[in-house]
Amino acid sequence: MLAKIAFIGTGGTIASIGTDQFDLLDYNASQQRLDAAALIERIGIQGTIADIRPVNFRQIDSTAITSGDWADMTDLCYQLAEDISLRGIVIGHGTASLEETAWVLSLVLDLKIPVILTGSMRPLTGISTDAHANLAAALRVTIAPTTGPGVFVVINDEIHDPKTVTKTHTLRLGAFQSPWAAPVGYVDGTEVRFQQVSKRKNETFARDLLREMPRVDISYSHVGADGYAIQSFVAAGAKGIVSAGFGPGMATPAETAALHEAVKAGVVVVQSSRTGAGLVVDSAHHQSLGIIAGGDINPQKARILLSLCLAAGYSHGDIAEVFHSL
């Protein structure tokens, strides 16, 4: 008997229908996306690797995902997991924000089954589409005996940790990488091999907090950047700001001054880096200004983590400890 897997369809490139097989760039212009059941039928994968239960969510571009969508998706995962015969959950997702959704789910889900996110860089109808292979690989990882509970990203025959994975190219099939950590495993044909087991224990947040996430903005550093954007974020009601700084985590002098003023106004500031990989230095200067070092988490994921910490009512010290411990 085949293992039962739930497949949640959320739209994205993996479900997109282009005008023809050579439509690999502007396929969203057609606005045609298949729901979960139609996608499974189109690929012809039902009953080959698993007994797939299609579950429709929303057919949306992943640039339109909101924290409300994350909350609904989390509730759906918990509802599906009530079925004790279910081996795991696969989520088909647009690649634009896939890493952020995976990170969110890893912070709020506490299930006994794996949740795998996958997508594709080429539309379902595109020549040499990766949609079929990525879905098959995600299913194989879900049912593999070596896959424990947790959230993973499976794409291009690689298994990634949500904390480290990021999209590094707009078009290439190998766009998803873990820049300084490498994949945690690989899918080779029918074989699933985990190279390493994460010893990291995520802070787990109550899923209801996804409906209460306060405004947290990202300030992106560049040569000559002043503090106007930061001041505007504060004026707009931001409760937190993530600074995507230069190199090891440094903003311009003008930005740093504005960030200090934001801290004095009660805004929690986390220093990240625009490089996308590596540890942010917890400098004595930043400590003196009340700016929290963001560790090795990229700006978009630091924004999510900071927002959840604020929603949970964590103190400045508690937030600093969360970022330090991950």
Protein backbone atom coordinates (compact mmCIF):
# COMPACT_ATOMS: atom_id res chain seq x y z
CA MET A 1 0.00 0.00 0.00
CA LEU A 2 1.36 3.41 -0.97
CA ALA A 3 1.96 6.04 1.70
CA LYS A 4 -0.65 8.80 1.85
CA ILE A 5 0.67 12.31 1.25
CA ALA A 6 -1.26 15.58 1.27
CA PHE A 7 -0.32 17.98 -1.52
CA ILE A 8 -1.23 21.63 -0.90
CA GLY A 9 -1.33 23.68 -4.07
CA THR A 10 -0.72 27.42 -3.71
CA GLY A 11 -0.09 28.34 -7.35
CA GLY A 12 3.31 29.62 -8.39
CA THR A 13 5.47 28.68 -11.38
CA ILE A 14 5.06 24.97 -10.68
CA ALA A 15 1.34 25.32 -11.47
CA SER A 16 1.60 27.92 -14.24
CA ILE A 17 0.52 27.44 -17.85
CA GLY A 18 2.45 29.39 -20.49
CA THR A 19 1.38 30.22 -24.03
CA ASP A 20 3.67 27.48 -25.43
CA GLN A 21 6.65 25.34 -24.44
CA PHE A 22 9.09 28.17 -25.11
CA ASP A 23 7.29 30.62 -22.85
CA LEU A 24 9.76 30.52 -19.94
CA LEU A 25 9.85 34.15 -18.81
CA ASP A 26 6.51 35.98 -19.03
CA TYR A 27 4.22 32.99 -18.47
CA ASN A 28 2.40 34.84 -15.69
CA ALA A 29 0.85 37.01 -18.39
CA SER A 30 -1.60 34.20 -19.15
CA GLN A 31 -2.82 34.17 -15.52
CA GLN A 32 -3.46 30.43 -15.87
CA ARG A 33 -2.59 28.24 -12.90
CA LEU A 34 -3.74 24.74 -12.09
CA ASP A 35 -5.20 23.81 -8.74
CA ALA A 36 -3.72 20.96 -6.73
CA ALA A 37 -5.87 18.19 -8.25
CA ALA A 38 -5.35 19.39 -11.83
CA LEU A 39 -1.60 19.71 -11.28
CA ILE A 40 -1.29 16.15 -9.99
CA GLU A 41 -3.37 14.89 -12.91
CA ARG A 42 -1.37 16.88 -15.47
CA ILE A 43 1.96 15.53 -14.20
CA GLY A 44 0.52 12.01 -14.01
CA ILE A 45 2.20 11.21 -10.72
CA GLN A 46 -0.80 9.94 -8.75
CA GLY A 47 -0.26 6.39 -7.47
CA THR A 48 3.35 6.13 -8.65
CA ILE A 49 5.30 7.25 -5.57
CA ALA A 50 2.52 7.91 -3.11
CA ASP A 51 -1.22 8.07 -2.69
CA ILE A 52 -1.60 11.82 -3.11
CA ARG A 53 -4.45 13.74 -1.53
CA PRO A 54 -4.73 17.07 -3.41
CA VAL A 55 -5.68 20.03 -1.21
CA ASN A 56 -6.45 23.37 -2.83
CA PHE A 57 -5.28 26.46 -1.01
CA ARG A 58 -5.05 29.62 -3.14
CA GLN A 59 -3.83 30.07 -6.70
CA ILE A 60 -1.73 33.16 -6.14
CA ASP A 61 1.64 34.53 -7.11
CA SER A 62 4.02 34.07 -4.20
CA THR A 63 4.85 37.80 -4.28
CA ALA A 64 1.29 38.30 -3.01
CA ILE A 65 1.66 36.04 0.05
CA THR A 66 0.76 37.74 3.33
CA SER A 67 1.10 36.80 6.99
CA GLY A 68 -2.62 36.00 6.89
CA ASP A 69 -1.93 33.43 4.18
CA TRP A 70 0.82 31.95 6.35
CA ALA A 71 -1.60 31.72 9.26
CA ASP A 72 -4.22 29.96 7.13
CA MET A 73 -1.60 27.61 5.67
CA THR A 74 -0.38 26.73 9.16
CA ASP A 75 -3.92 25.99 10.33
CA LEU A 76 -4.42 23.81 7.25
CA CYS A 77 -1.28 21.81 8.03
CA TYR A 78 -2.51 21.15 11.56
CA GLN A 79 -5.92 20.10 10.26
CA LEU A 80 -4.38 17.67 7.76
CA ALA A 81 -2.05 16.24 10.41
CA GLU A 82 -5.06 15.12 12.45
CA ASP A 83 -5.28 12.23 9.96
CA ILE A 84 -2.99 9.69 11.63
CA SER A 85 -2.64 7.77 8.36
CA LEU A 86 -0.99 10.77 6.68
CA ARG A 87 2.78 10.30 6.17
CA GLY A 88 3.54 13.92 5.40
CA ILE A 89 2.63 17.15 3.63
CA VAL A 90 4.06 18.59 0.40
CA ILE A 91 3.41 22.23 -0.47
CA GLY A 92 3.75 23.49 -4.04
CA HIS A 93 4.83 27.12 -3.81
CA GLY A 94 6.03 29.98 -5.99
CA THR A 95 9.79 30.43 -5.76
CA ALA A 96 9.72 34.20 -5.16
CA SER A 97 8.91 33.86 -1.45
CA LEU A 98 9.30 30.09 -0.96
CA GLU A 99 12.24 30.51 1.43
CA GLU A 100 10.25 32.88 3.62
CA THR A 101 7.22 30.60 3.82
CA ALA A 102 9.48 27.64 4.65
CA TRP A 103 11.16 29.68 7.40
CA VAL A 104 7.83 30.77 8.87
CA LEU A 105 6.50 27.22 8.93
CA SER A 106 9.69 25.98 10.59
CA LEU A 107 9.10 28.52 13.36
CA VAL A 108 5.43 27.76 14.06
CA LEU A 109 4.81 24.13 13.12
CA ASP A 110 5.33 21.38 15.68
CA LEU A 111 4.07 18.27 13.91
CA LYS A 112 5.07 14.62 14.02
CA ILE A 113 5.27 14.44 10.22
CA PRO A 114 7.52 16.22 7.70
CA VAL A 115 6.37 19.24 5.72
CA ILE A 116 8.18 19.67 2.40
CA LEU A 117 8.07 22.80 0.25
CA THR A 118 8.89 22.64 -3.44
CA GLY A 119 8.44 24.71 -6.56
CA SER A 120 9.92 25.08 -10.00
CA MET A 121 11.96 27.60 -11.95
CA ARG A 122 10.21 26.82 -15.22
CA PRO A 123 6.43 26.68 -15.75
CA LEU A 124 4.65 23.38 -15.96
CA THR A 125 4.28 23.72 -19.73
CA GLY A 126 7.84 24.94 -20.36
CA ILE A 127 10.43 22.99 -22.30
CA SER A 128 12.53 20.89 -19.90
CA THR A 129 10.38 22.00 -16.99
CA ASP A 130 11.66 21.06 -13.55
CA ALA A 131 8.14 20.89 -12.11
CA HIS A 132 7.78 17.12 -12.55
CA ALA A 133 11.16 16.22 -11.09
CA ASN A 134 10.87 18.58 -8.14
CA LEU A 135 7.45 17.28 -7.14
CA ALA A 136 8.63 13.69 -7.45
CA ALA A 137 11.69 14.43 -5.32
CA ALA A 138 9.58 16.16 -2.67
CA LEU A 139 7.30 13.13 -2.46
CA ARG A 140 10.28 10.79 -2.14
CA VAL A 141 11.78 12.82 0.69
CA THR A 142 8.43 12.90 2.48
CA ILE A 143 8.11 9.11 2.55
CA ALA A 144 11.79 8.29 3.10
CA PRO A 145 12.40 6.47 6.41
CA THR A 146 15.35 8.78 7.11
CA THR A 147 13.16 11.90 7.00
CA GLY A 148 12.02 12.92 10.43
CA PRO A 149 9.55 15.59 11.47
CA GLY A 150 10.39 19.12 10.44
CA VAL A 151 10.19 21.52 7.52
CA PHE A 152 12.44 21.12 4.47
CA VAL A 153 12.83 22.67 1.04
CA VAL A 154 13.33 20.12 -1.75
CA ILE A 155 14.26 21.45 -5.17
CA ASN A 156 16.73 20.53 -7.92
CA ASP A 157 17.39 17.16 -6.24
CA GLU A 158 18.61 18.88 -3.07
CA ILE A 159 17.22 19.01 0.46
CA HIS A 160 17.70 22.31 2.30
CA ASP A 161 17.17 23.68 5.79
CA PRO A 162 14.68 26.59 5.79
CA LYS A 163 17.07 28.72 7.83
CA THR A 164 19.90 28.62 5.29
CA VAL A 165 18.23 28.18 1.90
CA THR A 166 17.76 31.19 -0.36
CA LYS A 167 16.98 31.93 -3.99
CA THR A 168 20.22 33.10 -5.63
CA HIS A 169 19.21 33.53 -9.28
CA THR A 170 16.15 34.75 -11.15
CA LEU A 171 16.10 31.98 -13.77
CA ARG A 172 18.55 29.09 -13.30
CA LEU A 173 17.32 25.65 -12.24
CA GLY A 174 19.93 25.58 -9.47
CA ALA A 175 18.78 28.90 -8.06
CA PHE A 176 18.12 27.60 -4.55
CA GLN A 177 21.29 27.32 -2.49
CA SER A 178 22.38 27.28 1.14
CA PRO A 179 25.33 29.65 0.63
CA TRP A 180 27.50 28.73 3.58
CA ALA A 181 25.87 25.60 4.95
CA ALA A 182 25.30 23.37 1.87
CA PRO A 183 22.25 21.11 1.41
CA VAL A 184 21.36 18.75 4.24
CA GLY A 185 20.70 15.97 1.74
CA TYR A 186 20.18 14.88 -1.85
CA VAL A 187 17.69 12.94 -3.94
CA ASP A 188 19.29 10.63 -6.49
CA GLY A 189 16.62 8.78 -8.43
CA THR A 190 14.66 6.82 -5.84
CA GLU A 191 17.34 7.23 -3.18
CA VAL A 192 17.11 9.90 -0.49
CA ARG A 193 20.36 10.64 1.32
CA PHE A 194 20.70 12.99 4.26
CA GLN A 195 24.28 14.24 4.59
CA GLN A 196 23.79 15.92 7.92
CA VAL A 197 21.18 16.22 10.61
CA SER A 198 20.49 19.70 11.92
CA LYS A 199 21.24 20.03 15.61
CA ARG A 200 19.55 23.42 15.63
CA LYS A 201 16.41 23.77 17.71
CA ASN A 202 14.21 26.55 16.42
CA GLU A 203 12.38 28.83 18.75
CA THR A 204 8.79 27.64 18.36
CA PHE A 205 6.11 30.33 18.27
CA ALA A 206 2.36 30.01 18.73
CA ARG A 207 0.76 29.94 15.29
CA ASP A 208 -1.87 32.49 16.31
CA LEU A 209 0.91 35.10 16.39
CA LEU A 210 0.95 35.04 12.59
CA ARG A 211 -2.31 36.99 12.73
CA GLU A 212 -0.78 39.59 15.05
CA MET A 213 2.59 40.29 13.46
CA PRO A 214 3.51 43.96 13.86
CA ARG A 215 5.12 46.05 11.16
CA VAL A 216 8.83 45.34 10.70
CA ASP A 217 10.70 46.97 7.83
CA ILE A 218 14.04 46.36 6.11
CA SER A 219 16.49 49.19 5.46
CA TYR A 220 18.95 48.35 2.65
CA SER A 221 22.38 49.96 2.90
CA HIS A 222 24.21 51.49 -0.04
CA VAL A 223 26.95 54.06 -0.50
CA GLY A 224 25.63 57.46 0.47
CA ALA A 225 22.48 56.16 2.17
CA ASP A 226 21.03 58.63 4.64
CA GLY A 227 18.58 57.94 7.44
CA TYR A 228 15.44 59.13 5.70
CA ALA A 229 14.05 55.66 4.93
CA ILE A 230 14.60 54.59 8.54
CA GLN A 231 12.90 57.74 9.82
CA SER A 232 9.99 57.05 7.45
CA PHE A 233 9.62 53.49 8.73
CA VAL A 234 9.45 54.79 12.29
CA ALA A 235 6.89 57.42 11.28
CA ALA A 236 4.83 54.71 9.56
CA GLY A 237 4.57 52.82 12.85
CA ALA A 238 7.30 50.18 12.51
CA LYS A 239 7.87 48.28 15.75
CA GLY A 240 11.07 46.78 14.39
CA ILE A 241 13.66 47.49 11.71
CA VAL A 242 16.15 45.13 10.11
CA SER A 243 19.23 46.83 8.69
CA ALA A 244 20.55 44.98 5.63
CA GLY A 245 24.01 46.40 5.98
CA PHE A 246 27.35 46.17 4.21
CA GLY A 247 29.78 43.28 4.60
CA PRO A 248 29.94 41.97 8.17
CA GLY A 249 26.88 44.00 9.16
CA MET A 250 27.47 47.73 9.07
CA ALA A 251 25.26 50.60 7.91
CA THR A 252 26.41 54.05 6.80
CA PRO A 253 27.10 56.58 9.57
CA ALA A 254 23.87 58.42 8.74
CA GLU A 255 21.85 55.20 8.82
CA THR A 256 23.47 54.15 12.08
CA ALA A 257 22.56 57.47 13.67
CA ALA A 258 18.96 57.05 12.48
CA LEU A 259 18.85 53.49 13.78
CA HIS A 260 20.07 54.72 17.17
CA GLU A 261 17.28 57.30 17.24
CA ALA A 262 14.82 54.54 16.35
CA VAL A 263 16.05 52.44 19.28
CA LYS A 264 15.62 55.40 21.62
CA ALA A 265 12.05 55.73 20.29
CA GLY A 266 11.31 52.13 21.32
CA VAL A 267 11.84 50.43 17.96
CA VAL A 268 13.79 47.14 18.07
CA VAL A 269 16.64 47.16 15.55
CA VAL A 270 18.39 44.06 14.22
CA GLN A 271 21.57 44.34 12.18
CA SER A 272 21.76 41.89 9.27
CA SER A 273 23.87 41.85 6.11
CA ARG A 274 23.03 42.34 2.45
CA THR A 275 25.65 39.71 1.48
CA GLY A 276 23.17 36.92 2.18
CA ALA A 277 25.62 34.67 4.01
CA GLY A 278 27.93 34.79 6.99
CA LEU A 279 27.82 35.88 10.59
CA VAL A 280 27.06 39.48 11.51
CA VAL A 281 29.62 40.86 13.95
CA ASP A 282 28.13 41.66 17.35
CA SER A 283 30.23 44.79 17.66
CA ALA A 284 30.80 46.76 20.84
CA HIS A 285 29.60 49.86 18.99
CA HIS A 286 26.26 48.27 18.09
CA GLN A 287 25.85 46.94 21.61
CA SER A 288 26.33 50.45 22.96
CA LEU A 289 23.58 51.69 20.61
CA GLY A 290 21.16 48.90 21.54
CA ILE A 291 21.32 47.30 18.07
CA ILE A 292 20.91 43.49 18.06
CA ALA A 293 23.24 41.36 15.94
CA GLY A 294 21.23 39.26 13.48
CA GLY A 295 23.57 36.26 13.43
CA ASP A 296 23.66 34.42 10.11
CA ILE A 297 20.02 34.99 9.15
CA ASN A 298 19.41 36.94 5.95
CA PRO A 299 17.39 40.19 6.14
CA GLN A 300 14.07 38.80 4.89
CA LYS A 301 14.16 35.96 7.41
CA ALA A 302 15.39 38.24 10.19
CA ARG A 303 12.35 40.43 9.54
CA ILE A 304 10.02 37.44 10.05
CA LEU A 305 11.77 36.29 13.22
CA LEU A 306 11.81 39.78 14.70
CA SER A 307 8.12 40.26 13.94
CA LEU A 308 7.20 36.99 15.65
CA CYS A 309 9.33 37.87 18.68
CA LEU A 310 7.59 41.23 18.95
CA ALA A 311 4.16 39.63 18.55
CA ALA A 312 5.06 37.25 21.38
CA GLY A 313 5.92 40.18 23.63
CA TYR A 314 9.60 39.34 23.99
CA SER A 315 11.87 41.87 25.67
CA HIS A 316 14.90 43.38 23.94
CA GLY A 317 17.14 40.95 25.81
CA ASP A 318 14.96 37.98 24.92
CA ILE A 319 15.07 38.92 21.22
CA ALA A 320 18.85 39.27 21.32
CA GLU A 321 19.10 35.80 22.85
CA VAL A 322 16.84 34.27 20.17
CA PHE A 323 19.00 35.64 17.37
CA HIS A 324 22.16 34.59 19.18
CA SER A 325 20.96 31.03 19.77
CA LEU A 326 19.85 30.15 16.22
